[in-house]
Amino acid sequence: MPFREINSKMVEATVVPGQKMFSQRGAMLAYKGEVSFTPNIQGGQGGLASMIGQRVANEATPLMTVEGSGTVMFGHGGHHIQVIQLTGDTLYVEADRLLAFDGTLQQGTMFMGSQGGVMGMVRGQVTGQGLFTTTLKGHGAVAVMAHGGVIELPITPGRAVHVDPQAYVAHHGDVRNKLSTALGWRDMVGRGSGEAFQLELSGSGAVYVQASEEKL
C-alpha cells in the first residue's frame, strides 16, 4: 500500500519511478525527493467517457498526475481521510471525495440510474450528488475524504445495510443500491427532507459511512 496514515487528516504516499499516482489539485501539503505534479485534463484513466460523465454531473474534479521518486503528504480542507485497499474489485465514490489514488486503478463513471432506475435519479436529487458516480477498479489503494471519520460496514448476502444518503461516502464489491422511503420518527422531530429516504445496499461487499451529514 503506497499510503501511510500520518493522522486522521493526513496521509503520506510513496512515489516510485515508472508508476503514476493521481491526486486532487490542491491536496499536496509537502513532499520530499524528485516529484513532479502535472495537471491532468482527462481525470485519471477514464478518458473521454469519464470527462463526459463528470460534465453531465457538473462535478468535474481536477486531478494532478504525480510522478517521480519520493514521498508526498496529502490532505485537503481538514477532512478526515480513509484509505481503502482494492483487491480487484470496484470502488464507487463521488468524484469530489477522492483525495489520491494509485495510477494502476482504472477510472470510469457509472450512471446511478442504472442501479435502481428512477430511484437512482431520486438519490442524486436528495443527496445533492451527481447522477454519475466515479468508479475505480483493480488492485491498489484509494484515499477518500469524509466529515467526522468513517466506519466500514460489511454487506453480506441476505443482510442489507441501510444508510442515510447524506452520510454515504463510497462502497465496493458486488453491491446493488436503491433508495427507499423511510417516513417515521425522524420526520416527526423536524429533521431535513433527506431523512425521509434511506439508501439500501445489498449483495456482497462493504459500504463506508461518515459520522456526519455534511457535504464536502
N, C-alpha and C. Protein backbone atom coordinates (compact mmCIF):
# COMPACT_ATOMS: atom_id res chain seq x y z
N MET A 1 0.85 -1.19 0.00
CA MET A 1 0.00 0.00 0.00
C MET A 1 0.88 1.25 0.00
N PRO A 2 0.67 2.19 -0.96
CA PRO A 2 1.54 3.35 -1.04
C PRO A 2 1.21 4.44 -0.02
N PHE A 3 0.09 4.31 0.70
CA PHE A 3 -0.31 5.34 1.65
C PHE A 3 0.01 4.93 3.08
N ARG A 4 0.54 5.89 3.83
CA ARG A 4 0.75 5.71 5.27
C ARG A 4 -0.01 6.80 5.99
N GLU A 5 -0.86 6.41 6.92
CA GLU A 5 -1.67 7.38 7.63
C GLU A 5 -0.82 8.09 8.69
N ILE A 6 -0.64 9.39 8.52
CA ILE A 6 0.10 10.20 9.49
C ILE A 6 -0.79 10.51 10.68
N ASN A 7 -1.99 10.98 10.40
CA ASN A 7 -3.03 11.13 11.41
C ASN A 7 -4.37 11.03 10.68
N SER A 8 -5.45 11.34 11.34
CA SER A 8 -6.76 11.14 10.73
C SER A 8 -7.02 12.06 9.55
N LYS A 9 -6.18 13.10 9.37
CA LYS A 9 -6.44 14.07 8.32
C LYS A 9 -5.26 14.25 7.35
N MET A 10 -4.26 13.40 7.47
CA MET A 10 -3.10 13.48 6.59
C MET A 10 -2.59 12.08 6.26
N VAL A 11 -2.20 11.88 5.00
CA VAL A 11 -1.58 10.62 4.59
C VAL A 11 -0.29 10.92 3.84
N GLU A 12 0.63 9.99 3.89
CA GLU A 12 1.88 10.10 3.15
C GLU A 12 1.91 9.01 2.09
N ALA A 13 2.21 9.40 0.85
CA ALA A 13 2.25 8.46 -0.26
C ALA A 13 3.68 8.28 -0.74
N THR A 14 4.04 7.05 -1.05
CA THR A 14 5.34 6.75 -1.62
C THR A 14 5.23 6.74 -3.14
N VAL A 15 6.05 7.55 -3.80
CA VAL A 15 6.04 7.64 -5.25
C VAL A 15 7.32 6.98 -5.77
N VAL A 16 7.16 6.04 -6.69
CA VAL A 16 8.32 5.31 -7.22
C VAL A 16 8.41 5.53 -8.73
N PRO A 17 9.62 5.48 -9.29
CA PRO A 17 9.80 5.69 -10.73
C PRO A 17 8.99 4.71 -11.56
N GLY A 18 8.37 5.22 -12.62
CA GLY A 18 7.62 4.37 -13.53
C GLY A 18 6.19 4.11 -13.12
N GLN A 19 5.77 4.61 -11.95
CA GLN A 19 4.39 4.40 -11.50
C GLN A 19 3.74 5.75 -11.19
N LYS A 20 2.57 5.99 -11.76
CA LYS A 20 1.85 7.24 -11.55
C LYS A 20 0.89 7.14 -10.37
N MET A 21 0.61 8.31 -9.80
CA MET A 21 -0.48 8.45 -8.85
C MET A 21 -1.31 9.63 -9.33
N PHE A 22 -2.54 9.69 -8.87
CA PHE A 22 -3.39 10.84 -9.16
C PHE A 22 -3.88 11.42 -7.84
N SER A 23 -3.96 12.74 -7.77
CA SER A 23 -4.46 13.40 -6.57
C SER A 23 -5.33 14.58 -6.96
N GLN A 24 -6.19 14.97 -6.05
CA GLN A 24 -6.99 16.16 -6.27
C GLN A 24 -6.07 17.38 -6.23
N ARG A 25 -6.30 18.32 -7.13
CA ARG A 25 -5.46 19.52 -7.14
C ARG A 25 -5.62 20.29 -5.83
N GLY A 26 -4.52 20.76 -5.32
CA GLY A 26 -4.52 21.49 -4.06
C GLY A 26 -4.40 20.61 -2.85
N ALA A 27 -4.28 19.28 -3.06
CA ALA A 27 -4.22 18.35 -1.92
C ALA A 27 -2.80 18.11 -1.42
N MET A 28 -1.78 18.51 -2.20
CA MET A 28 -0.40 18.30 -1.78
C MET A 28 -0.05 19.27 -0.66
N LEU A 29 0.41 18.73 0.47
CA LEU A 29 0.81 19.56 1.61
C LEU A 29 2.31 19.76 1.66
N ALA A 30 3.07 18.73 1.34
CA ALA A 30 4.53 18.79 1.34
C ALA A 30 5.06 17.55 0.64
N TYR A 31 6.31 17.62 0.17
CA TYR A 31 6.90 16.42 -0.44
C TYR A 31 8.40 16.43 -0.28
N LYS A 32 8.99 15.24 -0.39
CA LYS A 32 10.44 15.06 -0.35
C LYS A 32 10.86 14.25 -1.57
N GLY A 33 12.00 14.60 -2.14
CA GLY A 33 12.50 13.85 -3.29
C GLY A 33 12.26 14.57 -4.59
N GLU A 34 12.44 13.84 -5.68
CA GLU A 34 12.24 14.38 -7.03
C GLU A 34 10.85 13.97 -7.52
N VAL A 35 9.88 14.80 -7.23
CA VAL A 35 8.49 14.51 -7.56
C VAL A 35 7.93 15.63 -8.43
N SER A 36 7.19 15.26 -9.48
CA SER A 36 6.57 16.26 -10.36
C SER A 36 5.04 16.15 -10.26
N PHE A 37 4.38 17.29 -10.46
CA PHE A 37 2.92 17.37 -10.41
C PHE A 37 2.44 18.02 -11.70
N THR A 38 1.61 17.31 -12.46
CA THR A 38 1.16 17.79 -13.76
C THR A 38 -0.36 17.78 -13.81
N PRO A 39 -0.98 18.89 -14.23
CA PRO A 39 -2.45 18.89 -14.37
C PRO A 39 -2.91 17.80 -15.32
N ASN A 40 -3.98 17.10 -14.95
CA ASN A 40 -4.49 16.01 -15.76
C ASN A 40 -5.89 16.37 -16.23
N ILE A 41 -6.04 16.71 -17.50
CA ILE A 41 -7.32 17.19 -18.01
C ILE A 41 -8.28 16.05 -18.30
N GLN A 42 -7.80 14.80 -18.29
CA GLN A 42 -8.68 13.68 -18.60
C GLN A 42 -9.27 13.03 -17.36
N GLY A 43 -8.90 13.52 -16.18
CA GLY A 43 -9.49 12.94 -14.97
C GLY A 43 -9.05 11.52 -14.73
N GLY A 44 -7.73 11.28 -14.73
CA GLY A 44 -7.24 9.93 -14.47
C GLY A 44 -7.21 9.12 -15.74
N GLN A 45 -7.68 7.89 -15.69
CA GLN A 45 -7.61 6.99 -16.83
C GLN A 45 -8.96 6.76 -17.48
N GLY A 46 -9.96 7.59 -17.11
CA GLY A 46 -11.29 7.36 -17.64
C GLY A 46 -11.45 7.83 -19.07
N GLY A 47 -10.53 8.70 -19.56
CA GLY A 47 -10.60 9.17 -20.93
C GLY A 47 -11.85 9.98 -21.20
N LEU A 48 -12.30 9.93 -22.44
CA LEU A 48 -13.42 10.76 -22.87
C LEU A 48 -14.70 10.42 -22.13
N ALA A 49 -14.96 9.13 -21.92
CA ALA A 49 -16.19 8.74 -21.23
C ALA A 49 -16.24 9.33 -19.83
N SER A 50 -15.10 9.33 -19.14
CA SER A 50 -15.05 9.89 -17.79
C SER A 50 -15.31 11.38 -17.82
N MET A 51 -14.72 12.07 -18.81
CA MET A 51 -14.90 13.51 -18.92
C MET A 51 -16.36 13.86 -19.17
N ILE A 52 -17.00 13.11 -20.08
CA ILE A 52 -18.40 13.36 -20.38
C ILE A 52 -19.26 13.14 -19.15
N GLY A 53 -18.99 12.04 -18.43
CA GLY A 53 -19.77 11.74 -17.24
C GLY A 53 -19.66 12.84 -16.20
N GLN A 54 -18.46 13.36 -15.98
CA GLN A 54 -18.29 14.39 -14.98
C GLN A 54 -18.92 15.70 -15.42
N ARG A 55 -18.88 16.00 -16.72
CA ARG A 55 -19.50 17.22 -17.20
C ARG A 55 -21.01 17.17 -17.03
N VAL A 56 -21.60 16.03 -17.39
CA VAL A 56 -23.05 15.89 -17.27
C VAL A 56 -23.46 16.03 -15.82
N ALA A 57 -22.65 15.46 -14.92
CA ALA A 57 -22.96 15.51 -13.49
C ALA A 57 -22.59 16.85 -12.88
N ASN A 58 -21.92 17.71 -13.65
CA ASN A 58 -21.46 19.00 -13.16
C ASN A 58 -20.59 18.84 -11.93
N GLU A 59 -19.73 17.82 -11.94
CA GLU A 59 -18.91 17.57 -10.77
C GLU A 59 -17.46 17.29 -11.18
N ALA A 60 -17.01 18.00 -12.21
CA ALA A 60 -15.63 17.81 -12.64
C ALA A 60 -14.68 18.14 -11.50
N THR A 61 -13.85 17.21 -11.13
CA THR A 61 -12.87 17.41 -10.07
C THR A 61 -11.48 17.35 -10.69
N PRO A 62 -10.79 18.49 -10.79
CA PRO A 62 -9.47 18.50 -11.44
C PRO A 62 -8.47 17.65 -10.68
N LEU A 63 -7.68 16.88 -11.42
CA LEU A 63 -6.70 15.98 -10.83
C LEU A 63 -5.29 16.39 -11.24
N MET A 64 -4.34 15.95 -10.45
CA MET A 64 -2.92 16.10 -10.76
C MET A 64 -2.31 14.72 -10.95
N THR A 65 -1.43 14.59 -11.95
CA THR A 65 -0.64 13.38 -12.10
C THR A 65 0.63 13.55 -11.28
N VAL A 66 0.91 12.58 -10.41
CA VAL A 66 2.07 12.65 -9.53
C VAL A 66 3.06 11.58 -9.97
N GLU A 67 4.28 11.98 -10.26
CA GLU A 67 5.30 11.05 -10.74
C GLU A 67 6.66 11.40 -10.14
N GLY A 68 7.58 10.42 -10.21
CA GLY A 68 8.95 10.66 -9.77
C GLY A 68 9.38 9.67 -8.72
N SER A 69 10.17 10.17 -7.77
CA SER A 69 10.69 9.33 -6.70
C SER A 69 10.75 10.14 -5.42
N GLY A 70 9.99 9.70 -4.42
CA GLY A 70 9.97 10.42 -3.16
C GLY A 70 8.72 10.11 -2.37
N THR A 71 8.38 11.01 -1.46
CA THR A 71 7.17 10.86 -0.66
C THR A 71 6.40 12.17 -0.69
N VAL A 72 5.08 12.06 -0.68
CA VAL A 72 4.20 13.23 -0.73
C VAL A 72 3.18 13.13 0.38
N MET A 73 2.95 14.24 1.09
CA MET A 73 1.92 14.28 2.11
C MET A 73 0.68 14.95 1.52
N PHE A 74 -0.47 14.28 1.69
CA PHE A 74 -1.73 14.78 1.16
C PHE A 74 -2.72 15.07 2.29
N GLY A 75 -3.54 16.08 2.07
CA GLY A 75 -4.64 16.41 2.96
C GLY A 75 -5.43 17.52 2.28
N HIS A 76 -6.69 17.72 2.67
CA HIS A 76 -7.48 18.75 1.99
C HIS A 76 -8.63 19.21 2.88
N GLY A 77 -8.66 20.49 3.16
CA GLY A 77 -9.78 21.08 3.88
C GLY A 77 -9.95 20.60 5.30
N GLY A 78 -8.95 19.95 5.86
CA GLY A 78 -9.09 19.41 7.21
C GLY A 78 -10.04 18.23 7.31
N HIS A 79 -10.39 17.63 6.15
CA HIS A 79 -11.31 16.50 6.16
C HIS A 79 -10.62 15.24 6.68
N HIS A 80 -11.38 14.36 7.28
CA HIS A 80 -10.87 13.06 7.66
C HIS A 80 -10.59 12.23 6.41
N ILE A 81 -9.58 11.38 6.49
CA ILE A 81 -9.16 10.59 5.34
C ILE A 81 -9.26 9.11 5.68
N GLN A 82 -9.81 8.36 4.74
CA GLN A 82 -9.91 6.91 4.88
C GLN A 82 -9.18 6.27 3.71
N VAL A 83 -8.25 5.36 4.01
CA VAL A 83 -7.53 4.64 2.95
C VAL A 83 -8.23 3.31 2.71
N ILE A 84 -8.59 3.06 1.45
CA ILE A 84 -9.29 1.84 1.06
C ILE A 84 -8.40 1.04 0.12
N GLN A 85 -8.18 -0.21 0.44
CA GLN A 85 -7.36 -1.09 -0.40
C GLN A 85 -8.26 -1.94 -1.28
N LEU A 86 -8.09 -1.85 -2.60
CA LEU A 86 -8.86 -2.65 -3.54
C LEU A 86 -8.04 -3.86 -3.98
N THR A 87 -8.68 -5.00 -4.06
CA THR A 87 -8.01 -6.23 -4.48
C THR A 87 -8.73 -6.83 -5.67
N GLY A 88 -8.90 -6.02 -6.71
CA GLY A 88 -9.52 -6.49 -7.93
C GLY A 88 -10.97 -6.08 -8.10
N ASP A 89 -11.59 -5.56 -7.05
CA ASP A 89 -12.99 -5.16 -7.17
C ASP A 89 -13.11 -3.68 -7.55
N THR A 90 -14.33 -3.17 -7.54
CA THR A 90 -14.60 -1.81 -7.98
C THR A 90 -15.10 -0.97 -6.82
N LEU A 91 -14.55 0.23 -6.69
CA LEU A 91 -15.00 1.18 -5.68
C LEU A 91 -15.87 2.23 -6.36
N TYR A 92 -17.03 2.50 -5.78
CA TYR A 92 -17.94 3.53 -6.27
C TYR A 92 -17.86 4.70 -5.28
N VAL A 93 -17.48 5.87 -5.77
CA VAL A 93 -17.25 7.01 -4.88
C VAL A 93 -17.53 8.30 -5.63
N GLU A 94 -18.05 9.30 -4.91
CA GLU A 94 -18.28 10.60 -5.53
C GLU A 94 -16.93 11.23 -5.85
N ALA A 95 -16.83 11.86 -7.03
CA ALA A 95 -15.56 12.39 -7.51
C ALA A 95 -14.92 13.38 -6.54
N ASP A 96 -15.73 14.23 -5.90
CA ASP A 96 -15.15 15.25 -5.04
C ASP A 96 -14.62 14.69 -3.73
N ARG A 97 -14.87 13.41 -3.46
CA ARG A 97 -14.34 12.79 -2.24
C ARG A 97 -12.97 12.15 -2.45
N LEU A 98 -12.53 12.07 -3.69
CA LEU A 98 -11.22 11.46 -3.97
C LEU A 98 -10.10 12.41 -3.58
N LEU A 99 -9.21 11.93 -2.72
CA LEU A 99 -8.03 12.71 -2.35
C LEU A 99 -6.84 12.30 -3.22
N ALA A 100 -6.58 11.00 -3.31
CA ALA A 100 -5.48 10.47 -4.12
C ALA A 100 -5.71 8.98 -4.33
N PHE A 101 -5.12 8.45 -5.43
CA PHE A 101 -5.27 7.02 -5.69
C PHE A 101 -4.18 6.54 -6.63
N ASP A 102 -3.96 5.23 -6.59
CA ASP A 102 -2.95 4.60 -7.43
C ASP A 102 -3.28 4.76 -8.91
N GLY A 103 -2.24 5.05 -9.70
CA GLY A 103 -2.43 5.15 -11.14
C GLY A 103 -2.70 3.82 -11.80
N THR A 104 -2.50 2.72 -11.07
CA THR A 104 -2.77 1.39 -11.63
C THR A 104 -4.27 1.10 -11.69
N LEU A 105 -5.06 1.88 -10.96
CA LEU A 105 -6.50 1.65 -10.93
C LEU A 105 -7.16 2.26 -12.17
N GLN A 106 -8.10 1.55 -12.73
CA GLN A 106 -8.81 2.00 -13.91
C GLN A 106 -10.00 2.85 -13.49
N GLN A 107 -10.04 4.09 -13.97
CA GLN A 107 -11.10 5.01 -13.59
C GLN A 107 -12.17 5.08 -14.66
N GLY A 108 -13.42 5.19 -14.21
CA GLY A 108 -14.54 5.35 -15.12
C GLY A 108 -15.68 6.06 -14.42
N THR A 109 -16.84 6.08 -15.06
CA THR A 109 -18.02 6.67 -14.46
C THR A 109 -19.19 5.72 -14.65
N MET A 110 -20.17 5.81 -13.74
CA MET A 110 -21.36 4.98 -13.83
C MET A 110 -22.58 5.85 -13.61
N PHE A 111 -23.60 5.66 -14.43
CA PHE A 111 -24.85 6.38 -14.27
C PHE A 111 -25.64 5.75 -13.13
N MET A 112 -25.89 6.51 -12.07
CA MET A 112 -26.55 5.94 -10.90
C MET A 112 -27.95 5.43 -11.21
N GLY A 113 -28.58 5.96 -12.25
CA GLY A 113 -29.90 5.49 -12.61
C GLY A 113 -29.92 4.03 -13.01
N SER A 114 -28.74 3.48 -13.40
CA SER A 114 -28.68 2.09 -13.81
C SER A 114 -28.75 1.15 -12.61
N GLN A 115 -28.57 1.69 -11.42
CA GLN A 115 -28.73 0.89 -10.21
C GLN A 115 -29.94 1.42 -9.45
N GLY A 116 -31.08 0.89 -9.76
CA GLY A 116 -32.29 1.32 -9.07
C GLY A 116 -33.20 2.16 -9.93
N GLY A 117 -32.89 2.29 -11.23
CA GLY A 117 -33.77 3.00 -12.14
C GLY A 117 -34.05 4.42 -11.70
N VAL A 118 -35.33 4.77 -11.64
CA VAL A 118 -35.73 6.13 -11.28
C VAL A 118 -35.24 6.49 -9.89
N MET A 119 -35.21 5.50 -8.99
CA MET A 119 -34.79 5.79 -7.62
C MET A 119 -33.33 6.22 -7.58
N GLY A 120 -32.54 5.71 -8.52
CA GLY A 120 -31.16 6.15 -8.59
C GLY A 120 -31.08 7.63 -8.90
N MET A 121 -31.99 8.10 -9.75
CA MET A 121 -32.03 9.52 -10.07
C MET A 121 -32.50 10.34 -8.86
N VAL A 122 -33.50 9.80 -8.16
CA VAL A 122 -34.00 10.48 -6.98
C VAL A 122 -32.89 10.64 -5.95
N ARG A 123 -32.05 9.59 -5.82
CA ARG A 123 -30.94 9.66 -4.88
C ARG A 123 -30.05 10.86 -5.18
N GLY A 124 -29.80 11.09 -6.46
CA GLY A 124 -28.97 12.23 -6.84
C GLY A 124 -29.58 13.54 -6.41
N GLN A 125 -30.90 13.66 -6.53
CA GLN A 125 -31.58 14.89 -6.15
C GLN A 125 -31.56 15.07 -4.64
N VAL A 126 -31.80 14.00 -3.89
CA VAL A 126 -31.89 14.08 -2.44
C VAL A 126 -30.53 14.40 -1.82
N THR A 127 -29.49 13.74 -2.30
CA THR A 127 -28.17 13.90 -1.68
C THR A 127 -27.43 15.10 -2.21
N GLY A 128 -27.85 15.64 -3.34
CA GLY A 128 -27.12 16.74 -3.95
C GLY A 128 -25.91 16.25 -4.72
N GLN A 129 -25.78 14.92 -4.87
CA GLN A 129 -24.68 14.34 -5.62
C GLN A 129 -25.11 14.11 -7.05
N GLY A 130 -24.16 14.06 -7.96
CA GLY A 130 -24.48 13.89 -9.36
C GLY A 130 -25.05 12.53 -9.67
N LEU A 131 -25.70 12.43 -10.83
CA LEU A 131 -26.24 11.15 -11.25
C LEU A 131 -25.14 10.20 -11.68
N PHE A 132 -23.96 10.74 -11.96
CA PHE A 132 -22.82 9.92 -12.34
C PHE A 132 -21.90 9.76 -11.12
N THR A 133 -21.43 8.56 -10.89
CA THR A 133 -20.50 8.28 -9.82
C THR A 133 -19.19 7.77 -10.41
N THR A 134 -18.08 8.17 -9.80
CA THR A 134 -16.77 7.71 -10.26
C THR A 134 -16.54 6.27 -9.82
N THR A 135 -15.93 5.47 -10.69
CA THR A 135 -15.56 4.11 -10.34
C THR A 135 -14.05 3.94 -10.46
N LEU A 136 -13.47 3.18 -9.54
CA LEU A 136 -12.05 2.83 -9.57
C LEU A 136 -11.96 1.32 -9.41
N LYS A 137 -11.27 0.68 -10.35
CA LYS A 137 -11.26 -0.78 -10.38
C LYS A 137 -9.83 -1.30 -10.51
N GLY A 138 -9.55 -2.39 -9.80
CA GLY A 138 -8.25 -3.04 -9.92
C GLY A 138 -7.61 -3.32 -8.59
N HIS A 139 -6.29 -3.35 -8.59
CA HIS A 139 -5.52 -3.60 -7.37
C HIS A 139 -4.74 -2.33 -7.02
N GLY A 140 -5.01 -1.78 -5.86
CA GLY A 140 -4.33 -0.56 -5.44
C GLY A 140 -5.07 0.10 -4.29
N ALA A 141 -4.58 1.27 -3.91
CA ALA A 141 -5.13 1.98 -2.76
C ALA A 141 -5.77 3.29 -3.18
N VAL A 142 -6.80 3.69 -2.43
CA VAL A 142 -7.53 4.93 -2.66
C VAL A 142 -7.66 5.66 -1.33
N ALA A 143 -7.40 6.95 -1.32
CA ALA A 143 -7.61 7.77 -0.13
C ALA A 143 -8.82 8.66 -0.39
N VAL A 144 -9.88 8.49 0.42
CA VAL A 144 -11.09 9.28 0.25
C VAL A 144 -11.29 10.19 1.46
N MET A 145 -12.06 11.25 1.24
CA MET A 145 -12.29 12.25 2.30
C MET A 145 -13.71 12.14 2.84
N ALA A 146 -13.87 12.51 4.11
CA ALA A 146 -15.18 12.46 4.75
C ALA A 146 -15.18 13.41 5.94
N HIS A 147 -16.38 13.70 6.44
CA HIS A 147 -16.54 14.51 7.65
C HIS A 147 -16.63 13.60 8.87
N GLY A 148 -15.88 13.91 9.89
CA GLY A 148 -16.05 13.25 11.18
C GLY A 148 -15.59 11.81 11.27
N GLY A 149 -14.79 11.35 10.32
CA GLY A 149 -14.33 9.97 10.37
C GLY A 149 -15.26 9.04 9.62
N VAL A 150 -14.78 7.82 9.36
CA VAL A 150 -15.50 6.85 8.54
C VAL A 150 -15.54 5.50 9.22
N ILE A 151 -16.67 4.80 9.08
CA ILE A 151 -16.76 3.42 9.53
C ILE A 151 -17.07 2.56 8.32
N GLU A 152 -16.45 1.38 8.27
CA GLU A 152 -16.70 0.41 7.19
C GLU A 152 -17.70 -0.62 7.67
N LEU A 153 -18.82 -0.74 6.96
CA LEU A 153 -19.86 -1.70 7.32
C LEU A 153 -19.90 -2.80 6.27
N PRO A 154 -19.71 -4.06 6.67
CA PRO A 154 -19.77 -5.16 5.69
C PRO A 154 -21.18 -5.37 5.19
N ILE A 155 -21.30 -5.73 3.92
CA ILE A 155 -22.59 -6.07 3.31
C ILE A 155 -22.53 -7.55 2.93
N THR A 156 -23.41 -8.34 3.49
CA THR A 156 -23.39 -9.78 3.23
C THR A 156 -24.73 -10.20 2.62
N PRO A 157 -24.74 -11.29 1.83
CA PRO A 157 -25.98 -11.75 1.20
C PRO A 157 -27.08 -11.99 2.23
N GLY A 158 -28.25 -11.48 1.94
CA GLY A 158 -29.39 -11.68 2.83
C GLY A 158 -29.49 -10.68 3.96
N ARG A 159 -28.48 -9.81 4.11
CA ARG A 159 -28.50 -8.82 5.19
C ARG A 159 -28.14 -7.46 4.60
N ALA A 160 -29.14 -6.75 4.13
CA ALA A 160 -28.94 -5.43 3.53
C ALA A 160 -28.54 -4.41 4.60
N VAL A 161 -27.82 -3.40 4.18
CA VAL A 161 -27.42 -2.30 5.06
C VAL A 161 -28.15 -1.05 4.60
N HIS A 162 -28.77 -0.34 5.55
CA HIS A 162 -29.49 0.89 5.24
C HIS A 162 -28.67 2.07 5.73
N VAL A 163 -28.47 3.06 4.87
CA VAL A 163 -27.60 4.19 5.18
C VAL A 163 -28.33 5.49 4.88
N ASP A 164 -28.16 6.47 5.74
CA ASP A 164 -28.64 7.82 5.44
C ASP A 164 -27.90 8.30 4.19
N PRO A 165 -28.58 8.68 3.13
CA PRO A 165 -27.89 9.09 1.90
C PRO A 165 -26.89 10.22 2.11
N GLN A 166 -27.15 11.09 3.08
CA GLN A 166 -26.25 12.21 3.33
C GLN A 166 -24.95 11.75 3.99
N ALA A 167 -24.97 10.56 4.62
CA ALA A 167 -23.79 10.05 5.30
C ALA A 167 -23.01 9.06 4.45
N TYR A 168 -23.54 8.70 3.29
CA TYR A 168 -22.87 7.75 2.40
C TYR A 168 -21.59 8.36 1.83
N VAL A 169 -20.51 7.57 1.82
CA VAL A 169 -19.23 8.02 1.27
C VAL A 169 -18.88 7.23 0.01
N ALA A 170 -18.89 5.89 0.12
CA ALA A 170 -18.49 5.04 -1.00
C ALA A 170 -18.88 3.60 -0.68
N HIS A 171 -18.80 2.73 -1.71
CA HIS A 171 -18.98 1.30 -1.46
C HIS A 171 -18.20 0.52 -2.50
N HIS A 172 -17.93 -0.75 -2.19
CA HIS A 172 -17.25 -1.60 -3.16
C HIS A 172 -17.81 -3.01 -3.05
N GLY A 173 -17.53 -3.79 -4.09
CA GLY A 173 -18.00 -5.17 -4.13
C GLY A 173 -19.17 -5.33 -5.08
N ASP A 174 -19.77 -6.50 -5.04
CA ASP A 174 -20.93 -6.81 -5.86
C ASP A 174 -22.18 -6.36 -5.12
N VAL A 175 -22.46 -5.07 -5.23
CA VAL A 175 -23.50 -4.45 -4.40
C VAL A 175 -24.53 -3.76 -5.28
N ARG A 176 -25.79 -3.94 -4.91
CA ARG A 176 -26.88 -3.21 -5.54
C ARG A 176 -27.38 -2.16 -4.57
N ASN A 177 -27.77 -0.99 -5.10
CA ASN A 177 -28.30 0.03 -4.21
C ASN A 177 -29.63 0.54 -4.74
N LYS A 178 -30.48 0.91 -3.83
CA LYS A 178 -31.75 1.53 -4.19
C LYS A 178 -32.16 2.47 -3.07
N LEU A 179 -32.97 3.44 -3.43
CA LEU A 179 -33.44 4.42 -2.46
C LEU A 179 -34.85 4.06 -2.06
N SER A 180 -35.12 4.04 -0.76
CA SER A 180 -36.46 3.72 -0.28
C SER A 180 -36.95 4.82 0.65
N THR A 181 -38.25 4.98 0.69
CA THR A 181 -38.85 5.97 1.58
C THR A 181 -38.82 5.46 3.01
N ALA A 182 -38.48 6.36 3.92
CA ALA A 182 -38.36 5.95 5.32
C ALA A 182 -39.08 6.96 6.21
N LEU A 183 -40.37 7.12 5.98
CA LEU A 183 -41.14 8.04 6.81
C LEU A 183 -41.26 7.46 8.22
N GLY A 184 -41.00 8.27 9.20
CA GLY A 184 -41.03 7.76 10.56
C GLY A 184 -40.72 8.84 11.57
N TRP A 185 -40.11 8.45 12.68
CA TRP A 185 -39.91 9.37 13.79
C TRP A 185 -39.01 10.53 13.42
N ARG A 186 -38.06 10.34 12.48
CA ARG A 186 -37.17 11.45 12.13
C ARG A 186 -37.95 12.61 11.52
N ASP A 187 -38.97 12.28 10.73
CA ASP A 187 -39.78 13.33 10.15
C ASP A 187 -40.63 14.01 11.22
N MET A 188 -40.99 13.26 12.24
CA MET A 188 -41.82 13.80 13.31
C MET A 188 -41.07 14.86 14.10
N VAL A 189 -39.73 14.75 14.20
CA VAL A 189 -38.98 15.69 15.01
C VAL A 189 -38.37 16.80 14.17
N GLY A 190 -38.79 16.91 12.91
CA GLY A 190 -38.42 18.06 12.11
C GLY A 190 -37.06 18.00 11.47
N ARG A 191 -36.53 16.81 11.19
CA ARG A 191 -35.25 16.71 10.51
C ARG A 191 -35.41 17.08 9.05
N GLY A 192 -34.29 17.18 8.32
CA GLY A 192 -34.31 17.61 6.94
C GLY A 192 -35.01 16.61 6.03
N SER A 193 -35.33 17.09 4.80
CA SER A 193 -36.08 16.27 3.86
C SER A 193 -35.32 15.01 3.48
N GLY A 194 -33.97 15.06 3.53
CA GLY A 194 -33.19 13.88 3.17
C GLY A 194 -33.41 12.71 4.09
N GLU A 195 -33.90 12.99 5.33
CA GLU A 195 -34.12 11.93 6.30
C GLU A 195 -35.31 11.05 5.91
N ALA A 196 -36.11 11.49 4.93
CA ALA A 196 -37.26 10.70 4.54
C ALA A 196 -36.86 9.55 3.61
N PHE A 197 -35.56 9.42 3.31
CA PHE A 197 -35.09 8.39 2.42
C PHE A 197 -33.96 7.60 3.07
N GLN A 198 -33.85 6.35 2.68
CA GLN A 198 -32.73 5.51 3.08
C GLN A 198 -32.12 4.90 1.85
N LEU A 199 -30.80 4.79 1.85
CA LEU A 199 -30.10 4.12 0.77
C LEU A 199 -29.88 2.67 1.20
N GLU A 200 -30.51 1.76 0.49
CA GLU A 200 -30.42 0.34 0.84
C GLU A 200 -29.38 -0.35 -0.04
N LEU A 201 -28.38 -0.95 0.56
CA LEU A 201 -27.33 -1.65 -0.18
C LEU A 201 -27.37 -3.13 0.16
N SER A 202 -27.40 -3.97 -0.88
CA SER A 202 -27.48 -5.41 -0.67
C SER A 202 -26.49 -6.12 -1.59
N GLY A 203 -26.15 -7.33 -1.23
CA GLY A 203 -25.21 -8.12 -2.02
C GLY A 203 -24.03 -8.54 -1.18
N SER A 204 -22.83 -8.34 -1.70
CA SER A 204 -21.62 -8.74 -1.00
C SER A 204 -20.55 -7.68 -1.21
N GLY A 205 -20.08 -7.07 -0.12
CA GLY A 205 -19.07 -6.03 -0.21
C GLY A 205 -19.01 -5.22 1.07
N ALA A 206 -18.84 -3.91 0.94
CA ALA A 206 -18.76 -3.04 2.11
C ALA A 206 -19.16 -1.63 1.72
N VAL A 207 -19.71 -0.90 2.67
CA VAL A 207 -20.07 0.50 2.46
C VAL A 207 -19.36 1.34 3.52
N TYR A 208 -18.93 2.53 3.11
CA TYR A 208 -18.23 3.44 4.01
C TYR A 208 -19.16 4.60 4.36
N VAL A 209 -19.33 4.83 5.66
CA VAL A 209 -20.28 5.81 6.16
C VAL A 209 -19.55 6.84 7.01
N GLN A 210 -19.81 8.13 6.76
CA GLN A 210 -19.16 9.16 7.56
C GLN A 210 -20.01 9.52 8.77
N ALA A 211 -19.35 10.06 9.79
CA ALA A 211 -20.03 10.39 11.05
C ALA A 211 -20.62 11.80 10.99
N SER A 212 -21.26 12.12 9.88
CA SER A 212 -21.81 13.46 9.69
C SER A 212 -22.73 13.43 8.48
N GLU A 213 -23.63 14.42 8.41
CA GLU A 213 -24.48 14.56 7.24
C GLU A 213 -24.07 15.76 6.39
N GLU A 214 -22.86 16.28 6.66
CA GLU A 214 -22.37 17.43 5.91
C GLU A 214 -21.77 16.99 4.58
N LYS A 215 -21.95 17.86 3.58
CA LYS A 215 -21.30 17.65 2.30
C LYS A 215 -19.88 18.22 2.35
N LEU A 216 -19.03 17.73 1.48
CA LEU A 216 -17.67 18.26 1.41
C LEU A 216 -17.69 19.66 0.81
